[in-house]
ModelCIF file with pLDDT and N, C-alpha, C, O atoms, coordinates in Angstrom:
data_MODEL
#
_entry.id   MODEL 
#
_entity.id                         1 
_entity.type                       polymer 
_entity.pdbx_number_of_molecules   1 
#
_entity_poly.entity_id                      1 
_entity_poly.type                           'polypeptide(L)' 
_entity_poly.nstd_linkage                   no 
_entity_poly.nstd_monomer                   no 
_entity_poly.pdbx_seq_one_letter_code       DDMTKIQRLEFTGTQRLYGFLEGNVFHVVWWDPNH 
_entity_poly.pdbx_seq_one_letter_code_can   DDMTKIQRLEFTGTQRLYGFLEGNVFHVVWWDPNH 
_entity_poly.pdbx_strand_id                 A 
#
loop_
_entity_poly_seq.entity_id 
_entity_poly_seq.num 
_entity_poly_seq.mon_id 
_entity_poly_seq.hetero 
1 1  ASP n 
1 2  ASP n 
1 3  MET n 
1 4  THR n 
1 5  LYS n 
1 6  ILE n 
1 7  GLN n 
1 8  ARG n 
1 9  LEU n 
1 10 GLU n 
1 11 PHE n 
1 12 THR n 
1 13 GLY n 
1 14 THR n 
1 15 GLN n 
1 16 ARG n 
1 17 LEU n 
1 18 TYR n 
1 19 GLY n 
1 20 PHE n 
1 21 LEU n 
1 22 GLU n 
1 23 GLY n 
1 24 ASN n 
1 25 VAL n 
1 26 PHE n 
1 27 HIS n 
1 28 VAL n 
1 29 VAL n 
1 30 TRP n 
1 31 TRP n 
1 32 ASP n 
1 33 PRO n 
1 34 ASN n 
1 35 HIS n 
#
_struct_asym.id          A 
_struct_asym.entity_id   1 
#
loop_
_ma_qa_metric.id 
_ma_qa_metric.mode 
_ma_qa_metric.name 
_ma_qa_metric.software_group_id 
_ma_qa_metric.type 
1 global pLDDT . pLDDT 
2 local  pLDDT . pLDDT 
#
_ma_qa_metric_global.metric_id      1 
_ma_qa_metric_global.metric_value   93.09 
_ma_qa_metric_global.model_id       1 
_ma_qa_metric_global.ordinal_id     1 
#
loop_
_ma_qa_metric_local.label_asym_id 
_ma_qa_metric_local.label_comp_id 
_ma_qa_metric_local.label_seq_id 
_ma_qa_metric_local.metric_id 
_ma_qa_metric_local.metric_value 
_ma_qa_metric_local.model_id 
_ma_qa_metric_local.ordinal_id 
A ASP 1  2 90.00 1 1  
A ASP 2  2 92.00 1 2  
A MET 3  2 94.00 1 3  
A THR 4  2 93.00 1 4  
A LYS 5  2 95.00 1 5  
A ILE 6  2 96.00 1 6  
A GLN 7  2 95.00 1 7  
A ARG 8  2 95.00 1 8  
A LEU 9  2 95.00 1 9  
A GLU 10 2 92.00 1 10 
A PHE 11 2 85.00 1 11 
A THR 12 2 81.00 1 12 
A GLY 13 2 83.00 1 13 
A THR 14 2 88.00 1 14 
A GLN 15 2 92.00 1 15 
A ARG 16 2 94.00 1 16 
A LEU 17 2 96.00 1 17 
A TYR 18 2 97.00 1 18 
A GLY 19 2 97.00 1 19 
A PHE 20 2 96.00 1 20 
A LEU 21 2 94.00 1 21 
A GLU 22 2 93.00 1 22 
A GLY 23 2 91.00 1 23 
A ASN 24 2 92.00 1 24 
A VAL 25 2 94.00 1 25 
A PHE 26 2 95.00 1 26 
A HIS 27 2 96.00 1 27 
A VAL 28 2 97.00 1 28 
A VAL 29 2 97.00 1 29 
A TRP 30 2 97.00 1 30 
A TRP 31 2 96.00 1 31 
A ASP 32 2 95.00 1 32 
A PRO 33 2 93.00 1 33 
A ASN 34 2 91.00 1 34 
A HIS 35 2 91.00 1 35 
#
loop_
_atom_site.group_PDB 
_atom_site.id 
_atom_site.type_symbol 
_atom_site.label_atom_id 
_atom_site.label_alt_id 
_atom_site.label_comp_id 
_atom_site.label_asym_id 
_atom_site.label_entity_id 
_atom_site.label_seq_id 
_atom_site.pdbx_PDB_ins_code 
_atom_site.Cartn_x 
_atom_site.Cartn_y 
_atom_site.Cartn_z 
_atom_site.occupancy 
_atom_site.B_iso_or_equiv 
_atom_site.pdbx_formal_charge 
_atom_site.auth_seq_id 
_atom_site.auth_comp_id 
_atom_site.auth_asym_id 
_atom_site.auth_atom_id 
_atom_site.pdbx_PDB_model_num 
ATOM 1   N N  . ASP A 1 1  ? 6.420   -12.005 -58.158 1.00 90.00 ? 1  ASP A N  1 
ATOM 2   C CA . ASP A 1 1  ? 7.646   -11.769 -58.923 1.00 90.00 ? 1  ASP A CA 1 
ATOM 3   C C  . ASP A 1 1  ? 8.136   -13.030 -59.633 1.00 90.00 ? 1  ASP A C  1 
ATOM 4   O O  . ASP A 1 1  ? 9.116   -12.972 -60.376 1.00 90.00 ? 1  ASP A O  1 
ATOM 5   N N  . ASP A 1 2  ? 7.471   -14.172 -59.419 1.00 92.00 ? 2  ASP A N  1 
ATOM 6   C CA . ASP A 1 2  ? 7.833   -15.391 -60.126 1.00 92.00 ? 2  ASP A CA 1 
ATOM 7   C C  . ASP A 1 2  ? 7.038   -15.556 -61.427 1.00 92.00 ? 2  ASP A C  1 
ATOM 8   O O  . ASP A 1 2  ? 7.249   -16.522 -62.160 1.00 92.00 ? 2  ASP A O  1 
ATOM 9   N N  . MET A 1 3  ? 6.135   -14.629 -61.713 1.00 94.00 ? 3  MET A N  1 
ATOM 10  C CA . MET A 1 3  ? 5.366   -14.682 -62.958 1.00 94.00 ? 3  MET A CA 1 
ATOM 11  C C  . MET A 1 3  ? 6.296   -14.389 -64.133 1.00 94.00 ? 3  MET A C  1 
ATOM 12  O O  . MET A 1 3  ? 7.228   -13.595 -64.003 1.00 94.00 ? 3  MET A O  1 
ATOM 13  N N  . THR A 1 4  ? 6.050   -15.019 -65.266 1.00 93.00 ? 4  THR A N  1 
ATOM 14  C CA . THR A 1 4  ? 6.916   -14.830 -66.432 1.00 93.00 ? 4  THR A CA 1 
ATOM 15  C C  . THR A 1 4  ? 6.333   -13.848 -67.447 1.00 93.00 ? 4  THR A C  1 
ATOM 16  O O  . THR A 1 4  ? 7.054   -13.335 -68.303 1.00 93.00 ? 4  THR A O  1 
ATOM 17  N N  . LYS A 1 5  ? 5.034   -13.587 -67.352 1.00 95.00 ? 5  LYS A N  1 
ATOM 18  C CA . LYS A 1 5  ? 4.369   -12.662 -68.275 1.00 95.00 ? 5  LYS A CA 1 
ATOM 19  C C  . LYS A 1 5  ? 3.320   -11.858 -67.525 1.00 95.00 ? 5  LYS A C  1 
ATOM 20  O O  . LYS A 1 5  ? 2.780   -12.299 -66.510 1.00 95.00 ? 5  LYS A O  1 
ATOM 21  N N  . ILE A 1 6  ? 3.044   -10.668 -68.047 1.00 96.00 ? 6  ILE A N  1 
ATOM 22  C CA . ILE A 1 6  ? 1.945   -9.851  -67.565 1.00 96.00 ? 6  ILE A CA 1 
ATOM 23  C C  . ILE A 1 6  ? 1.218   -9.323  -68.799 1.00 96.00 ? 6  ILE A C  1 
ATOM 24  O O  . ILE A 1 6  ? 1.839   -9.051  -69.826 1.00 96.00 ? 6  ILE A O  1 
ATOM 25  N N  . GLN A 1 7  ? -0.090  -9.183  -68.691 1.00 95.00 ? 7  GLN A N  1 
ATOM 26  C CA . GLN A 1 7  ? -0.881  -8.704  -69.803 1.00 95.00 ? 7  GLN A CA 1 
ATOM 27  C C  . GLN A 1 7  ? -1.492  -7.359  -69.468 1.00 95.00 ? 7  GLN A C  1 
ATOM 28  O O  . GLN A 1 7  ? -1.668  -7.008  -68.301 1.00 95.00 ? 7  GLN A O  1 
ATOM 29  N N  . ARG A 1 8  ? -1.814  -6.606  -70.522 1.00 95.00 ? 8  ARG A N  1 
ATOM 30  C CA . ARG A 1 8  ? -2.447  -5.321  -70.286 1.00 95.00 ? 8  ARG A CA 1 
ATOM 31  C C  . ARG A 1 8  ? -3.483  -5.041  -71.351 1.00 95.00 ? 8  ARG A C  1 
ATOM 32  O O  . ARG A 1 8  ? -3.378  -5.487  -72.494 1.00 95.00 ? 8  ARG A O  1 
ATOM 33  N N  . LEU A 1 9  ? -4.487  -4.287  -70.940 1.00 95.00 ? 9  LEU A N  1 
ATOM 34  C CA . LEU A 1 9  ? -5.509  -3.776  -71.847 1.00 95.00 ? 9  LEU A CA 1 
ATOM 35  C C  . LEU A 1 9  ? -5.332  -2.274  -71.912 1.00 95.00 ? 9  LEU A C  1 
ATOM 36  O O  . LEU A 1 9  ? -5.180  -1.616  -70.883 1.00 95.00 ? 9  LEU A O  1 
ATOM 37  N N  . GLU A 1 10 ? -5.351  -1.733  -73.116 1.00 92.00 ? 10 GLU A N  1 
ATOM 38  C CA . GLU A 1 10 ? -5.254  -0.282  -73.301 1.00 92.00 ? 10 GLU A CA 1 
ATOM 39  C C  . GLU A 1 10 ? -6.648  0.231   -73.584 1.00 92.00 ? 10 GLU A C  1 
ATOM 40  O O  . GLU A 1 10 ? -7.337  -0.260  -74.478 1.00 92.00 ? 10 GLU A O  1 
ATOM 41  N N  . PHE A 1 11 ? -7.058  1.227   -72.811 1.00 85.00 ? 11 PHE A N  1 
ATOM 42  C CA . PHE A 1 11 ? -8.393  1.766   -73.024 1.00 85.00 ? 11 PHE A CA 1 
ATOM 43  C C  . PHE A 1 11 ? -8.360  3.021   -73.886 1.00 85.00 ? 11 PHE A C  1 
ATOM 44  O O  . PHE A 1 11 ? -8.867  3.000   -75.007 1.00 85.00 ? 11 PHE A O  1 
ATOM 45  N N  . THR A 1 12 ? -7.788  4.093   -73.406 1.00 81.00 ? 12 THR A N  1 
ATOM 46  C CA . THR A 1 12 ? -7.666  5.310   -74.213 1.00 81.00 ? 12 THR A CA 1 
ATOM 47  C C  . THR A 1 12 ? -6.377  5.998   -73.829 1.00 81.00 ? 12 THR A C  1 
ATOM 48  O O  . THR A 1 12 ? -5.982  5.972   -72.663 1.00 81.00 ? 12 THR A O  1 
ATOM 49  N N  . GLY A 1 13 ? -5.718  6.610   -74.787 1.00 83.00 ? 13 GLY A N  1 
ATOM 50  C CA . GLY A 1 13 ? -4.523  7.390   -74.498 1.00 83.00 ? 13 GLY A CA 1 
ATOM 51  C C  . GLY A 1 13 ? -3.549  6.683   -73.594 1.00 83.00 ? 13 GLY A C  1 
ATOM 52  O O  . GLY A 1 13 ? -2.840  5.773   -74.024 1.00 83.00 ? 13 GLY A O  1 
ATOM 53  N N  . THR A 1 14 ? -3.507  7.093   -72.344 1.00 88.00 ? 14 THR A N  1 
ATOM 54  C CA . THR A 1 14 ? -2.524  6.555   -71.402 1.00 88.00 ? 14 THR A CA 1 
ATOM 55  C C  . THR A 1 14 ? -3.104  5.525   -70.447 1.00 88.00 ? 14 THR A C  1 
ATOM 56  O O  . THR A 1 14 ? -2.366  4.991   -69.620 1.00 88.00 ? 14 THR A O  1 
ATOM 57  N N  . GLN A 1 15 ? -4.386  5.226   -70.526 1.00 92.00 ? 15 GLN A N  1 
ATOM 58  C CA . GLN A 1 15 ? -5.040  4.345   -69.550 1.00 92.00 ? 15 GLN A CA 1 
ATOM 59  C C  . GLN A 1 15 ? -4.794  2.872   -69.859 1.00 92.00 ? 15 GLN A C  1 
ATOM 60  O O  . GLN A 1 15 ? -5.025  2.401   -70.972 1.00 92.00 ? 15 GLN A O  1 
ATOM 61  N N  . ARG A 1 16 ? -4.313  2.155   -68.828 1.00 94.00 ? 16 ARG A N  1 
ATOM 62  C CA . ARG A 1 16 ? -4.011  0.732   -68.978 1.00 94.00 ? 16 ARG A CA 1 
ATOM 63  C C  . ARG A 1 16 ? -4.540  -0.053  -67.772 1.00 94.00 ? 16 ARG A C  1 
ATOM 64  O O  . ARG A 1 16 ? -4.571  0.450   -66.649 1.00 94.00 ? 16 ARG A O  1 
ATOM 65  N N  . LEU A 1 17 ? -4.945  -1.270  -68.028 1.00 96.00 ? 17 LEU A N  1 
ATOM 66  C CA . LEU A 1 17 ? -5.334  -2.203  -66.974 1.00 96.00 ? 17 LEU A CA 1 
ATOM 67  C C  . LEU A 1 17 ? -4.386  -3.390  -67.092 1.00 96.00 ? 17 LEU A C  1 
ATOM 68  O O  . LEU A 1 17 ? -4.300  -4.018  -68.147 1.00 96.00 ? 17 LEU A O  1 
ATOM 69  N N  . TYR A 1 18 ? -3.679  -3.697  -66.013 1.00 97.00 ? 18 TYR A N  1 
ATOM 70  C CA . TYR A 1 18 ? -2.694  -4.792  -66.009 1.00 97.00 ? 18 TYR A CA 1 
ATOM 71  C C  . TYR A 1 18 ? -3.194  -5.954  -65.185 1.00 97.00 ? 18 TYR A C  1 
ATOM 72  O O  . TYR A 1 18 ? -3.914  -5.783  -64.201 1.00 97.00 ? 18 TYR A O  1 
ATOM 73  N N  . GLY A 1 19 ? -2.796  -7.142  -65.607 1.00 97.00 ? 19 GLY A N  1 
ATOM 74  C CA . GLY A 1 19 ? -3.146  -8.333  -64.863 1.00 97.00 ? 19 GLY A CA 1 
ATOM 75  C C  . GLY A 1 19 ? -2.521  -9.559  -65.488 1.00 97.00 ? 19 GLY A C  1 
ATOM 76  O O  . GLY A 1 19 ? -1.657  -9.467  -66.361 1.00 97.00 ? 19 GLY A O  1 
ATOM 77  N N  . PHE A 1 20 ? -2.974  -10.704 -65.023 1.00 96.00 ? 20 PHE A N  1 
ATOM 78  C CA . PHE A 1 20 ? -2.457  -11.982 -65.482 1.00 96.00 ? 20 PHE A CA 1 
ATOM 79  C C  . PHE A 1 20 ? -3.593  -12.766 -66.124 1.00 96.00 ? 20 PHE A C  1 
ATOM 80  O O  . PHE A 1 20 ? -4.625  -13.002 -65.496 1.00 96.00 ? 20 PHE A O  1 
ATOM 81  N N  . LEU A 1 21 ? -3.400  -13.165 -67.368 1.00 94.00 ? 21 LEU A N  1 
ATOM 82  C CA . LEU A 1 21 ? -4.408  -13.930 -68.092 1.00 94.00 ? 21 LEU A CA 1 
ATOM 83  C C  . LEU A 1 21 ? -4.117  -15.413 -67.926 1.00 94.00 ? 21 LEU A C  1 
ATOM 84  O O  . LEU A 1 21 ? -3.067  -15.911 -68.331 1.00 94.00 ? 21 LEU A O  1 
ATOM 85  N N  . GLU A 1 22 ? -5.063  -16.098 -67.327 1.00 93.00 ? 22 GLU A N  1 
ATOM 86  C CA . GLU A 1 22 ? -4.956  -17.548 -67.131 1.00 93.00 ? 22 GLU A CA 1 
ATOM 87  C C  . GLU A 1 22 ? -6.193  -18.172 -67.761 1.00 93.00 ? 22 GLU A C  1 
ATOM 88  O O  . GLU A 1 22 ? -7.307  -18.006 -67.264 1.00 93.00 ? 22 GLU A O  1 
ATOM 89  N N  . GLY A 1 23 ? -5.987  -18.892 -68.858 1.00 91.00 ? 23 GLY A N  1 
ATOM 90  C CA . GLY A 1 23 ? -7.137  -19.415 -69.601 1.00 91.00 ? 23 GLY A CA 1 
ATOM 91  C C  . GLY A 1 23 ? -7.930  -18.250 -70.158 1.00 91.00 ? 23 GLY A C  1 
ATOM 92  O O  . GLY A 1 23 ? -7.390  -17.407 -70.874 1.00 91.00 ? 23 GLY A O  1 
ATOM 93  N N  . ASN A 1 24 ? -9.205  -18.203 -69.830 1.00 92.00 ? 24 ASN A N  1 
ATOM 94  C CA . ASN A 1 24 ? -10.033 -17.084 -70.287 1.00 92.00 ? 24 ASN A CA 1 
ATOM 95  C C  . ASN A 1 24 ? -10.267 -16.048 -69.192 1.00 92.00 ? 24 ASN A C  1 
ATOM 96  O O  . ASN A 1 24 ? -11.080 -15.139 -69.362 1.00 92.00 ? 24 ASN A O  1 
ATOM 97  N N  . VAL A 1 25 ? -9.555  -16.180 -68.065 1.00 94.00 ? 25 VAL A N  1 
ATOM 98  C CA . VAL A 1 25 ? -9.773  -15.279 -66.922 1.00 94.00 ? 25 VAL A CA 1 
ATOM 99  C C  . VAL A 1 25 ? -8.616  -14.296 -66.801 1.00 94.00 ? 25 VAL A C  1 
ATOM 100 O O  . VAL A 1 25 ? -7.454  -14.691 -66.709 1.00 94.00 ? 25 VAL A O  1 
ATOM 101 N N  . PHE A 1 26 ? -8.954  -13.015 -66.801 1.00 95.00 ? 26 PHE A N  1 
ATOM 102 C CA . PHE A 1 26 ? -7.989  -11.943 -66.623 1.00 95.00 ? 26 PHE A CA 1 
ATOM 103 C C  . PHE A 1 26 ? -8.017  -11.548 -65.144 1.00 95.00 ? 26 PHE A C  1 
ATOM 104 O O  . PHE A 1 26 ? -9.011  -11.010 -64.655 1.00 95.00 ? 26 PHE A O  1 
ATOM 105 N N  . HIS A 1 27 ? -6.923  -11.820 -64.442 1.00 96.00 ? 27 HIS A N  1 
ATOM 106 C CA . HIS A 1 27 ? -6.810  -11.494 -63.018 1.00 96.00 ? 27 HIS A CA 1 
ATOM 107 C C  . HIS A 1 27 ? -6.258  -10.074 -62.912 1.00 96.00 ? 27 HIS A C  1 
ATOM 108 O O  . HIS A 1 27 ? -5.064  -9.849  -63.108 1.00 96.00 ? 27 HIS A O  1 
ATOM 109 N N  . VAL A 1 28 ? -7.120  -9.131  -62.604 1.00 97.00 ? 28 VAL A N  1 
ATOM 110 C CA . VAL A 1 28 ? -6.768  -7.714  -62.580 1.00 97.00 ? 28 VAL A CA 1 
ATOM 111 C C  . VAL A 1 28 ? -5.825  -7.431  -61.414 1.00 97.00 ? 28 VAL A C  1 
ATOM 112 O O  . VAL A 1 28 ? -6.053  -7.881  -60.291 1.00 97.00 ? 28 VAL A O  1 
ATOM 113 N N  . VAL A 1 29 ? -4.748  -6.668  -61.703 1.00 97.00 ? 29 VAL A N  1 
ATOM 114 C CA . VAL A 1 29 ? -3.786  -6.278  -60.671 1.00 97.00 ? 29 VAL A CA 1 
ATOM 115 C C  . VAL A 1 29 ? -3.737  -4.758  -60.523 1.00 97.00 ? 29 VAL A C  1 
ATOM 116 O O  . VAL A 1 29 ? -3.864  -4.241  -59.413 1.00 97.00 ? 29 VAL A O  1 
ATOM 117 N N  . TRP A 1 30 ? -3.555  -4.039  -61.630 1.00 97.00 ? 30 TRP A N  1 
ATOM 118 C CA . TRP A 1 30 ? -3.351  -2.585  -61.540 1.00 97.00 ? 30 TRP A CA 1 
ATOM 119 C C  . TRP A 1 30 ? -4.194  -1.809  -62.530 1.00 97.00 ? 30 TRP A C  1 
ATOM 120 O O  . TRP A 1 30 ? -4.426  -2.255  -63.653 1.00 97.00 ? 30 TRP A O  1 
ATOM 121 N N  . TRP A 1 31 ? -4.648  -0.642  -62.101 1.00 96.00 ? 31 TRP A N  1 
ATOM 122 C CA . TRP A 1 31 ? -5.226  0.376   -62.976 1.00 96.00 ? 31 TRP A CA 1 
ATOM 123 C C  . TRP A 1 31 ? -4.159  1.469   -63.109 1.00 96.00 ? 31 TRP A C  1 
ATOM 124 O O  . TRP A 1 31 ? -3.797  2.115   -62.126 1.00 96.00 ? 31 TRP A O  1 
ATOM 125 N N  . ASP A 1 32 ? -3.671  1.664   -64.310 1.00 95.00 ? 32 ASP A N  1 
ATOM 126 C CA . ASP A 1 32 ? -2.583  2.608   -64.575 1.00 95.00 ? 32 ASP A CA 1 
ATOM 127 C C  . ASP A 1 32 ? -3.100  3.716   -65.499 1.00 95.00 ? 32 ASP A C  1 
ATOM 128 O O  . ASP A 1 32 ? -2.983  3.599   -66.719 1.00 95.00 ? 32 ASP A O  1 
ATOM 129 N N  . PRO A 1 33 ? -3.668  4.787   -64.940 1.00 93.00 ? 33 PRO A N  1 
ATOM 130 C CA . PRO A 1 33 ? -4.260  5.825   -65.783 1.00 93.00 ? 33 PRO A CA 1 
ATOM 131 C C  . PRO A 1 33 ? -3.239  6.704   -66.495 1.00 93.00 ? 33 PRO A C  1 
ATOM 132 O O  . PRO A 1 33 ? -3.585  7.391   -67.456 1.00 93.00 ? 33 PRO A O  1 
ATOM 133 N N  . ASN A 1 34 ? -1.993  6.696   -66.043 1.00 91.00 ? 34 ASN A N  1 
ATOM 134 C CA . ASN A 1 34 ? -0.989  7.609   -66.602 1.00 91.00 ? 34 ASN A CA 1 
ATOM 135 C C  . ASN A 1 34 ? 0.170   6.904   -67.296 1.00 91.00 ? 34 ASN A C  1 
ATOM 136 O O  . ASN A 1 34 ? 1.226   7.501   -67.506 1.00 91.00 ? 34 ASN A O  1 
ATOM 137 N N  . HIS A 1 35 ? -0.024  5.632   -67.653 1.00 91.00 ? 35 HIS A N  1 
ATOM 138 C CA . HIS A 1 35 ? 0.969   4.887   -68.429 1.00 91.00 ? 35 HIS A CA 1 
ATOM 139 C C  . HIS A 1 35 ? 2.338   4.865   -67.737 1.00 91.00 ? 35 HIS A C  1 
ATOM 140 O O  . HIS A 1 35 ? 3.286   4.278   -68.260 1.00 91.00 ? 35 HIS A O  1 
#
């Protein structure tokens, strides 16, 4: 909860992958299929 930003990738329609991008590394946190 001390993070200041979160990033997401949108795949199709409602599907999202959330995580934290540090440098070139995306640290995956959540798979959100229903937005």
